[in-house]
Amino acid sequence: MATPTITTKHLAYALAEQHQLTKKQGMEMMEELIAMITKHLKKRERVKIAGLGILQVRNRAARMGRNPATGEVIQIKASRKVAFRATKELKMAI
């Protein structure tokens, strides 16, 4: 049996129900929250959400890798990634 996946829509609808909002208002709030987090990450700022964790952008250096289909050595260019570090409270809760 597969583990159930909770989507943004599920979270938005649950929040809307708890706060006597429409589902549309709940979705708008979630979309705005995601947009705000994205905006701050683009500026390379850390986003700390109490009780959940810290989101931040990290640099990945260029490196050598292999094409799994051919075994050919390839250069993988430098990139950025979003890293998440859970808070102690979240770790203890799960």
PDB file of N, CA and C in Angstrom:
ATOM      1  N   MET A   1       0.844  -1.182   0.000  1.00  0.00           N
ATOM      2  CA  MET A   1       0.000   0.000   0.000  1.00  0.00           C
ATOM      3  C   MET A   1       0.889   1.246   0.000  1.00  0.00           C
ATOM      4  N   ALA A   2       0.615   2.158  -0.915  1.00  0.00           N
ATOM      5  CA  ALA A   2       1.414   3.370  -1.050  1.00  0.00           C
ATOM      6  C   ALA A   2       1.095   4.376   0.061  1.00  0.00           C
ATOM      7  N   THR A   3       2.096   5.135   0.420  1.00  0.00           N
ATOM      8  CA  THR A   3       1.914   6.178   1.417  1.00  0.00           C
ATOM      9  C   THR A   3       1.111   7.313   0.781  1.00  0.00           C
ATOM     10  N   PRO A   4       0.081   7.819   1.440  1.00  0.00           N
ATOM     11  CA  PRO A   4      -0.717   8.898   0.849  1.00  0.00           C
ATOM     12  C   PRO A   4       0.105  10.176   0.718  1.00  0.00           C
ATOM     13  N   THR A   5      -0.163  10.936  -0.342  1.00  0.00           N
ATOM     14  CA  THR A   5       0.521  12.200  -0.590  1.00  0.00           C
ATOM     15  C   THR A   5      -0.430  13.344  -0.294  1.00  0.00           C
ATOM     16  N   ILE A   6       0.011  14.270   0.536  1.00  0.00           N
ATOM     17  CA  ILE A   6      -0.786  15.448   0.865  1.00  0.00           C
ATOM     18  C   ILE A   6      -0.310  16.578  -0.053  1.00  0.00           C
ATOM     19  N   THR A   7      -1.218  17.162  -0.796  1.00  0.00           N
ATOM     20  CA  THR A   7      -0.868  18.214  -1.744  1.00  0.00           C
ATOM     21  C   THR A   7      -1.168  19.592  -1.162  1.00  0.00           C
ATOM     22  N   THR A   8      -0.736  20.611  -1.904  1.00  0.00           N
ATOM     23  CA  THR A   8      -1.018  21.994  -1.517  1.00  0.00           C
ATOM     24  C   THR A   8      -2.527  22.202  -1.407  1.00  0.00           C
ATOM     25  N   LYS A   9      -3.260  21.606  -2.327  1.00  0.00           N
ATOM     26  CA  LYS A   9      -4.722  21.733  -2.329  1.00  0.00           C
ATOM     27  C   LYS A   9      -5.310  21.168  -1.038  1.00  0.00           C
ATOM     28  N   HIS A  10      -4.827  20.011  -0.600  1.00  0.00           N
ATOM     29  CA  HIS A  10      -5.319  19.411   0.652  1.00  0.00           C
ATOM     30  C   HIS A  10      -5.080  20.351   1.830  1.00  0.00           C
ATOM     31  N   LEU A  11      -3.855  20.895   1.902  1.00  0.00           N
ATOM     32  CA  LEU A  11      -3.515  21.801   3.002  1.00  0.00           C
ATOM     33  C   LEU A  11      -4.361  23.068   2.958  1.00  0.00           C
ATOM     34  N   ALA A  12      -4.537  23.624   1.754  1.00  0.00           N
ATOM     35  CA  ALA A  12      -5.319  24.853   1.592  1.00  0.00           C
ATOM     36  C   ALA A  12      -6.768  24.632   2.014  1.00  0.00           C
ATOM     37  N   TYR A  13      -7.349  23.524   1.605  1.00  0.00           N
ATOM     38  CA  TYR A  13      -8.747  23.250   1.943  1.00  0.00           C
ATOM     39  C   TYR A  13      -8.910  23.026   3.444  1.00  0.00           C
ATOM     40  N   ALA A  14      -7.946  22.354   4.079  1.00  0.00           N
ATOM     41  CA  ALA A  14      -8.014  22.121   5.524  1.00  0.00           C
ATOM     42  C   ALA A  14      -7.906  23.448   6.277  1.00  0.00           C
ATOM     43  N   LEU A  15      -6.992  24.327   5.848  1.00  0.00           N
ATOM     44  CA  LEU A  15      -6.863  25.644   6.472  1.00  0.00           C
ATOM     45  C   LEU A  15      -8.142  26.460   6.296  1.00  0.00           C
ATOM     46  N   ALA A  16      -8.700  26.421   5.103  1.00  0.00           N
ATOM     47  CA  ALA A  16      -9.928  27.171   4.820  1.00  0.00           C
ATOM     48  C   ALA A  16     -11.052  26.709   5.744  1.00  0.00           C
ATOM     49  N   GLU A  17     -11.156  25.403   5.926  1.00  0.00           N
ATOM     50  CA  GLU A  17     -12.216  24.853   6.783  1.00  0.00           C
ATOM     51  C   GLU A  17     -12.016  25.284   8.242  1.00  0.00           C
ATOM     52  N   GLN A  18     -10.767  25.249   8.725  1.00  0.00           N
ATOM     53  CA  GLN A  18     -10.479  25.615  10.106  1.00  0.00           C
ATOM     54  C   GLN A  18     -10.702  27.092  10.386  1.00  0.00           C
ATOM     55  N   HIS A  19     -10.575  27.928   9.354  1.00  0.00           N
ATOM     56  CA  HIS A  19     -10.677  29.376   9.561  1.00  0.00           C
ATOM     57  C   HIS A  19     -11.913  29.984   8.904  1.00  0.00           C
ATOM     58  N   GLN A  20     -12.901  29.155   8.635  1.00  0.00           N
ATOM     59  CA  GLN A  20     -14.159  29.591   8.045  1.00  0.00           C
ATOM     60  C   GLN A  20     -13.946  30.446   6.778  1.00  0.00           C
ATOM     61  N   LEU A  21     -13.070  29.975   5.887  1.00  0.00           N
ATOM     62  CA  LEU A  21     -12.832  30.634   4.603  1.00  0.00           C
ATOM     63  C   LEU A  21     -13.346  29.737   3.495  1.00  0.00           C
ATOM     64  N   THR A  22     -13.456  30.300   2.304  1.00  0.00           N
ATOM     65  CA  THR A  22     -13.837  29.468   1.166  1.00  0.00           C
ATOM     66  C   THR A  22     -12.605  28.686   0.717  1.00  0.00           C
ATOM     67  N   LYS A  23     -12.839  27.621  -0.042  1.00  0.00           N
ATOM     68  CA  LYS A  23     -11.714  26.840  -0.558  1.00  0.00           C
ATOM     69  C   LYS A  23     -10.845  27.710  -1.457  1.00  0.00           C
ATOM     70  N   LYS A  24     -11.474  28.597  -2.216  1.00  0.00           N
ATOM     71  CA  LYS A  24     -10.741  29.499  -3.111  1.00  0.00           C
ATOM     72  C   LYS A  24      -9.825  30.418  -2.301  1.00  0.00           C
ATOM     73  N   GLN A  25     -10.323  30.959  -1.190  1.00  0.00           N
ATOM     74  CA  GLN A  25      -9.509  31.827  -0.342  1.00  0.00           C
ATOM     75  C   GLN A  25      -8.340  31.049   0.264  1.00  0.00           C
ATOM     76  N   GLY A  26      -8.610  29.813   0.657  1.00  0.00           N
ATOM     77  CA  GLY A  26      -7.553  28.956   1.209  1.00  0.00           C
ATOM     78  C   GLY A  26      -6.458  28.701   0.179  1.00  0.00           C
ATOM     79  N   MET A  27      -6.851  28.419  -1.079  1.00  0.00           N
ATOM     80  CA  MET A  27      -5.868  28.191  -2.142  1.00  0.00           C
ATOM     81  C   MET A  27      -5.073  29.465  -2.418  1.00  0.00           C
ATOM     82  N   GLU A  28      -5.752  30.602  -2.428  1.00  0.00           N
ATOM     83  CA  GLU A  28      -5.063  31.877  -2.676  1.00  0.00           C
ATOM     84  C   GLU A  28      -4.010  32.140  -1.603  1.00  0.00           C
ATOM     85  N   MET A  29      -4.347  31.855  -0.348  1.00  0.00           N
ATOM     86  CA  MET A  29      -3.394  32.054   0.744  1.00  0.00           C
ATOM     87  C   MET A  29      -2.180  31.146   0.589  1.00  0.00           C
ATOM     88  N   MET A  30      -2.401  29.888   0.241  1.00  0.00           N
ATOM     89  CA  MET A  30      -1.293  28.956   0.058  1.00  0.00           C
ATOM     90  C   MET A  30      -0.415  29.393  -1.116  1.00  0.00           C
ATOM     91  N   GLU A  31      -1.037  29.807  -2.217  1.00  0.00           N
ATOM     92  CA  GLU A  31      -0.281  30.251  -3.394  1.00  0.00           C
ATOM     93  C   GLU A  31       0.549  31.493  -3.064  1.00  0.00           C
ATOM     94  N   GLU A  32      -0.017  32.412  -2.288  1.00  0.00           N
ATOM     95  CA  GLU A  32       0.712  33.615  -1.890  1.00  0.00           C
ATOM     96  C   GLU A  32       1.886  33.263  -0.971  1.00  0.00           C
ATOM     97  N   LEU A  33       1.675  32.321  -0.063  1.00  0.00           N
ATOM     98  CA  LEU A  33       2.746  31.880   0.829  1.00  0.00           C
ATOM     99  C   LEU A  33       3.897  31.283   0.021  1.00  0.00           C
ATOM    100  N   ILE A  34       3.577  30.420  -0.921  1.00  0.00           N
ATOM    101  CA  ILE A  34       4.602  29.789  -1.760  1.00  0.00           C
ATOM    102  C   ILE A  34       5.331  30.847  -2.589  1.00  0.00           C
ATOM    103  N   ALA A  35       4.598  31.816  -3.120  1.00  0.00           N
ATOM    104  CA  ALA A  35       5.216  32.896  -3.904  1.00  0.00           C
ATOM    105  C   ALA A  35       6.162  33.722  -3.044  1.00  0.00           C
ATOM    106  N   MET A  36       5.765  34.007  -1.806  1.00  0.00           N
ATOM    107  CA  MET A  36       6.615  34.785  -0.892  1.00  0.00           C
ATOM    108  C   MET A  36       7.898  34.026  -0.552  1.00  0.00           C
ATOM    109  N   ILE A  37       7.771  32.743  -0.273  1.00  0.00           N
ATOM    110  CA  ILE A  37       8.946  31.928   0.038  1.00  0.00           C
ATOM    111  C   ILE A  37       9.880  31.891  -1.162  1.00  0.00           C
ATOM    112  N   THR A  38       9.324  31.688  -2.349  1.00  0.00           N
ATOM    113  CA  THR A  38      10.116  31.646  -3.578  1.00  0.00           C
ATOM    114  C   THR A  38      10.843  32.961  -3.802  1.00  0.00           C
ATOM    115  N   LYS A  39      10.159  34.090  -3.584  1.00  0.00           N
ATOM    116  CA  LYS A  39      10.760  35.411  -3.773  1.00  0.00           C
ATOM    117  C   LYS A  39      11.976  35.589  -2.869  1.00  0.00           C
ATOM    118  N   HIS A  40      11.849  35.180  -1.613  1.00  0.00           N
ATOM    119  CA  HIS A  40      12.955  35.328  -0.665  1.00  0.00           C
ATOM    120  C   HIS A  40      14.111  34.384  -1.005  1.00  0.00           C
ATOM    121  N   LEU A  41      13.792  33.167  -1.448  1.00  0.00           N
ATOM    122  CA  LEU A  41      14.853  32.235  -1.831  1.00  0.00           C
ATOM    123  C   LEU A  41      15.600  32.744  -3.062  1.00  0.00           C
ATOM    124  N   LYS A  42      14.889  33.360  -3.996  1.00  0.00           N
ATOM    125  CA  LYS A  42      15.538  33.932  -5.187  1.00  0.00           C
ATOM    126  C   LYS A  42      16.538  35.007  -4.794  1.00  0.00           C
ATOM    127  N   LYS A  43      16.241  35.739  -3.710  1.00  0.00           N
ATOM    128  CA  LYS A  43      17.143  36.779  -3.213  1.00  0.00           C
ATOM    129  C   LYS A  43      18.258  36.177  -2.355  1.00  0.00           C
ATOM    130  N   ARG A  44      18.298  34.833  -2.283  1.00  0.00           N
ATOM    131  CA  ARG A  44      19.312  34.106  -1.512  1.00  0.00           C
ATOM    132  C   ARG A  44      19.156  34.310  -0.005  1.00  0.00           C
ATOM    133  N   GLU A  45      17.939  34.618   0.441  1.00  0.00           N
ATOM    134  CA  GLU A  45      17.657  34.778   1.865  1.00  0.00           C
ATOM    135  C   GLU A  45      17.205  33.435   2.439  1.00  0.00           C
ATOM    136  N   ARG A  46      17.527  33.204   3.711  1.00  0.00           N
ATOM    137  CA  ARG A  46      17.045  32.002   4.396  1.00  0.00           C
ATOM    138  C   ARG A  46      15.611  32.241   4.843  1.00  0.00           C
ATOM    139  N   VAL A  47      14.790  31.204   4.750  1.00  0.00           N
ATOM    140  CA  VAL A  47      13.397  31.288   5.209  1.00  0.00           C
ATOM    141  C   VAL A  47      13.258  30.323   6.380  1.00  0.00           C
ATOM    142  N   LYS A  48      13.037  30.895   7.563  1.00  0.00           N
ATOM    143  CA  LYS A  48      12.904  30.091   8.779  1.00  0.00           C
ATOM    144  C   LYS A  48      11.439  30.061   9.183  1.00  0.00           C
ATOM    145  N   ILE A  49      10.876  28.871   9.253  1.00  0.00           N
ATOM    146  CA  ILE A  49       9.481  28.693   9.653  1.00  0.00           C
ATOM    147  C   ILE A  49       9.498  27.949  10.987  1.00  0.00           C
ATOM    148  N   ALA A  50       9.140  28.666  12.044  1.00  0.00           N
ATOM    149  CA  ALA A  50       9.195  28.105  13.394  1.00  0.00           C
ATOM    150  C   ALA A  50       8.387  26.818  13.473  1.00  0.00           C
ATOM    151  N   GLY A  51       8.967  25.817  14.085  1.00  0.00           N
ATOM    152  CA  GLY A  51       8.291  24.540  14.248  1.00  0.00           C
ATOM    153  C   GLY A  51       8.407  23.629  13.036  1.00  0.00           C
ATOM    154  N   LEU A  52       8.919  24.151  11.921  1.00  0.00           N
ATOM    155  CA  LEU A  52       9.041  23.348  10.706  1.00  0.00           C
ATOM    156  C   LEU A  52      10.501  23.201  10.297  1.00  0.00           C
ATOM    157  N   GLY A  53      11.144  24.322   9.953  1.00  0.00           N
ATOM    158  CA  GLY A  53      12.542  24.228   9.556  1.00  0.00           C
ATOM    159  C   GLY A  53      13.021  25.454   8.806  1.00  0.00           C
ATOM    160  N   ILE A  54      14.192  25.303   8.180  1.00  0.00           N
ATOM    161  CA  ILE A  54      14.826  26.389   7.445  1.00  0.00           C
ATOM    162  C   ILE A  54      15.009  25.961   5.998  1.00  0.00           C
ATOM    163  N   LEU A  55      14.595  26.840   5.090  1.00  0.00           N
ATOM    164  CA  LEU A  55      14.825  26.659   3.655  1.00  0.00           C
ATOM    165  C   LEU A  55      15.908  27.643   3.246  1.00  0.00           C
ATOM    166  N   GLN A  56      16.878  27.171   2.475  1.00  0.00           N
ATOM    167  CA  GLN A  56      17.899  28.080   1.979  1.00  0.00           C
ATOM    168  C   GLN A  56      18.475  27.542   0.683  1.00  0.00           C
ATOM    169  N   VAL A  57      19.074  28.449  -0.103  1.00  0.00           N
ATOM    170  CA  VAL A  57      19.680  28.071  -1.373  1.00  0.00           C
ATOM    171  C   VAL A  57      21.144  27.748  -1.116  1.00  0.00           C
ATOM    172  N   ARG A  58      21.596  26.640  -1.688  1.00  0.00           N
ATOM    173  CA  ARG A  58      23.003  26.239  -1.570  1.00  0.00           C
ATOM    174  C   ARG A  58      23.579  26.063  -2.963  1.00  0.00           C
ATOM    175  N   ASN A  59      24.871  26.362  -3.090  1.00  0.00           N
ATOM    176  CA  ASN A  59      25.567  26.183  -4.367  1.00  0.00           C
ATOM    177  C   ASN A  59      26.080  24.760  -4.482  1.00  0.00           C
ATOM    178  N   ARG A  60      25.960  24.200  -5.686  1.00  0.00           N
ATOM    179  CA  ARG A  60      26.552  22.891  -5.982  1.00  0.00           C
ATOM    180  C   ARG A  60      27.685  23.131  -6.963  1.00  0.00           C
ATOM    181  N   ALA A  61      28.849  22.658  -6.651  1.00  0.00           N
ATOM    182  CA  ALA A  61      30.016  22.862  -7.507  1.00  0.00           C
ATOM    183  C   ALA A  61      29.911  22.016  -8.776  1.00  0.00           C
ATOM    184  N   ALA A  62      30.613  22.460  -9.821  1.00  0.00           N
ATOM    185  CA  ALA A  62      30.705  21.661 -11.045  1.00  0.00           C
ATOM    186  C   ALA A  62      31.449  20.369 -10.701  1.00  0.00           C
ATOM    187  N   ARG A  63      31.100  19.292 -11.384  1.00  0.00           N
ATOM    188  CA  ARG A  63      31.739  18.011 -11.081  1.00  0.00           C
ATOM    189  C   ARG A  63      31.673  17.088 -12.296  1.00  0.00           C
ATOM    190  N   MET A  64      32.421  16.030 -12.235  1.00  0.00           N
ATOM    191  CA  MET A  64      32.410  15.026 -13.298  1.00  0.00           C
ATOM    192  C   MET A  64      31.396  13.947 -12.920  1.00  0.00           C
ATOM    193  N   GLY A  65      30.705  13.431 -13.933  1.00  0.00           N
ATOM    194  CA  GLY A  65      29.734  12.379 -13.704  1.00  0.00           C
ATOM    195  C   GLY A  65      29.749  11.401 -14.863  1.00  0.00           C
ATOM    196  N   ARG A  66      28.840  10.461 -14.857  1.00  0.00           N
ATOM    197  CA  ARG A  66      28.747   9.477 -15.941  1.00  0.00           C
ATOM    198  C   ARG A  66      27.323   9.431 -16.481  1.00  0.00           C
ATOM    199  N   ASN A  67      27.234   9.304 -17.788  1.00  0.00           N
ATOM    200  CA  ASN A  67      25.944   9.072 -18.426  1.00  0.00           C
ATOM    201  C   ASN A  67      25.585   7.620 -18.123  1.00  0.00           C
ATOM    202  N   PRO A  68      24.482   7.353 -17.398  1.00  0.00           N
ATOM    203  CA  PRO A  68      24.166   5.974 -17.016  1.00  0.00           C
ATOM    204  C   PRO A  68      23.874   5.059 -18.208  1.00  0.00           C
ATOM    205  N   ALA A  69      23.406   5.638 -19.316  1.00  0.00           N
ATOM    206  CA  ALA A  69      23.069   4.818 -20.481  1.00  0.00           C
ATOM    207  C   ALA A  69      24.318   4.366 -21.235  1.00  0.00           C
ATOM    208  N   THR A  70      25.306   5.266 -21.368  1.00  0.00           N
ATOM    209  CA  THR A  70      26.488   4.949 -22.185  1.00  0.00           C
ATOM    210  C   THR A  70      27.756   4.738 -21.372  1.00  0.00           C
ATOM    211  N   GLY A  71      27.782   5.202 -20.132  1.00  0.00           N
ATOM    212  CA  GLY A  71      28.978   5.111 -19.318  1.00  0.00           C
ATOM    213  C   GLY A  71      29.984   6.211 -19.627  1.00  0.00           C
ATOM    214  N   GLU A  72      29.618   7.097 -20.556  1.00  0.00           N
ATOM    215  CA  GLU A  72      30.495   8.196 -20.967  1.00  0.00           C
ATOM    216  C   GLU A  72      30.669   9.202 -19.831  1.00  0.00           C
ATOM    217  N   VAL A  73      31.910   9.674 -19.644  1.00  0.00           N
ATOM    218  CA  VAL A  73      32.195  10.680 -18.620  1.00  0.00           C
ATOM    219  C   VAL A  73      31.704  12.031 -19.137  1.00  0.00           C
ATOM    220  N   ILE A  74      30.960  12.749 -18.289  1.00  0.00           N
ATOM    221  CA  ILE A  74      30.429  14.055 -18.683  1.00  0.00           C
ATOM    222  C   ILE A  74      30.702  15.077 -17.592  1.00  0.00           C
ATOM    223  N   GLN A  75      30.735  16.338 -17.990  1.00  0.00           N
ATOM    224  CA  GLN A  75      30.911  17.448 -17.045  1.00  0.00           C
ATOM    225  C   GLN A  75      29.517  17.897 -16.601  1.00  0.00           C
ATOM    226  N   ILE A  76      29.280  17.937 -15.303  1.00  0.00           N
ATOM    227  CA  ILE A  76      28.016  18.435 -14.759  1.00  0.00           C
ATOM    228  C   ILE A  76      28.288  19.850 -14.282  1.00  0.00           C
ATOM    229  N   LYS A  77      27.523  20.804 -14.813  1.00  0.00           N
ATOM    230  CA  LYS A  77      27.800  22.200 -14.483  1.00  0.00           C
ATOM    231  C   LYS A  77      27.359  22.557 -13.065  1.00  0.00           C
ATOM    232  N   ALA A  78      27.920  23.643 -12.562  1.00  0.00           N
ATOM    233  CA  ALA A  78      27.560  24.139 -11.235  1.00  0.00           C
ATOM    234  C   ALA A  78      26.093  24.555 -11.237  1.00  0.00           C
ATOM    235  N   SER A  79      25.445  24.426 -10.099  1.00  0.00           N
ATOM    236  CA  SER A  79      24.033  24.788 -10.004  1.00  0.00           C
ATOM    237  C   SER A  79      23.701  25.204  -8.581  1.00  0.00           C
ATOM    238  N   ARG A  80      22.465  25.595  -8.386  1.00  0.00           N
ATOM    239  CA  ARG A  80      21.972  25.925  -7.054  1.00  0.00           C
ATOM    240  C   ARG A  80      20.849  24.965  -6.716  1.00  0.00           C
ATOM    241  N   LYS A  81      20.679  24.701  -5.427  1.00  0.00           N
ATOM    242  CA  LYS A  81      19.590  23.833  -4.982  1.00  0.00           C
ATOM    243  C   LYS A  81      18.976  24.412  -3.719  1.00  0.00           C
ATOM    244  N   VAL A  82      17.747  24.034  -3.474  1.00  0.00           N
ATOM    245  CA  VAL A  82      17.076  24.442  -2.244  1.00  0.00           C
ATOM    246  C   VAL A  82      17.287  23.331  -1.229  1.00  0.00           C
ATOM    247  N   ALA A  83      17.789  23.713  -0.069  1.00  0.00           N
ATOM    248  CA  ALA A  83      18.020  22.748   1.009  1.00  0.00           C
ATOM    249  C   ALA A  83      17.046  23.035   2.143  1.00  0.00           C
ATOM    250  N   PHE A  84      16.593  21.973   2.787  1.00  0.00           N
ATOM    251  CA  PHE A  84      15.671  22.092   3.919  1.00  0.00           C
ATOM    252  C   PHE A  84      16.303  21.423   5.119  1.00  0.00           C
ATOM    253  N   ARG A  85      16.287  22.120   6.234  1.00  0.00           N
ATOM    254  CA  ARG A  85      16.778  21.555   7.496  1.00  0.00           C
ATOM    255  C   ARG A  85      15.633  21.613   8.501  1.00  0.00           C
ATOM    256  N   ALA A  86      15.194  20.461   8.952  1.00  0.00           N
ATOM    257  CA  ALA A  86      14.076  20.377   9.887  1.00  0.00           C
ATOM    258  C   ALA A  86      14.477  20.863  11.277  1.00  0.00           C
ATOM    259  N   THR A  87      13.497  21.441  11.984  1.00  0.00           N
ATOM    260  CA  THR A  87      13.745  21.881  13.362  1.00  0.00           C
ATOM    261  C   THR A  87      13.769  20.657  14.281  1.00  0.00           C
ATOM    262  N   LYS A  88      14.331  20.866  15.443  1.00  0.00           N
ATOM    263  CA  LYS A  88      14.388  19.807  16.449  1.00  0.00           C
ATOM    264  C   LYS A  88      12.972  19.348  16.811  1.00  0.00           C
ATOM    265  N   GLU A  89      12.039  20.312  16.915  1.00  0.00           N
ATOM    266  CA  GLU A  89      10.645  19.976  17.273  1.00  0.00           C
ATOM    267  C   GLU A  89      10.011  19.046  16.235  1.00  0.00           C
ATOM    268  N   LEU A  90      10.257  19.323  14.971  1.00  0.00           N
ATOM    269  CA  LEU A  90       9.700  18.490  13.903  1.00  0.00           C
ATOM    270  C   LEU A  90      10.316  17.100  13.955  1.00  0.00           C
ATOM    271  N   LYS A  91      11.609  17.040  14.139  1.00  0.00           N
ATOM    272  CA  LYS A  91      12.294  15.748  14.218  1.00  0.00           C
ATOM    273  C   LYS A  91      11.751  14.903  15.368  1.00  0.00           C
ATOM    274  N   MET A  92      11.530  15.566  16.503  1.00  0.00           N
ATOM    275  CA  MET A  92      11.013  14.839  17.677  1.00  0.00           C
ATOM    276  C   MET A  92       9.566  14.389  17.470  1.00  0.00           C
ATOM    277  N   ALA A  93       8.795  15.181  16.733  1.00  0.00           N
ATOM    278  CA  ALA A  93       7.382  14.871  16.513  1.00  0.00           C
ATOM    279  C   ALA A  93       7.193  13.648  15.622  1.00  0.00           C
ATOM    280  N   ILE A  94       8.133  13.427  14.723  1.00  0.00           N
ATOM    281  CA  ILE A  94       7.976  12.279  13.818  1.00  0.00           C
ATOM    282  C   ILE A  94       8.886  11.159  14.234  1.00  0.00           C
TER     283      ILE A  94
END
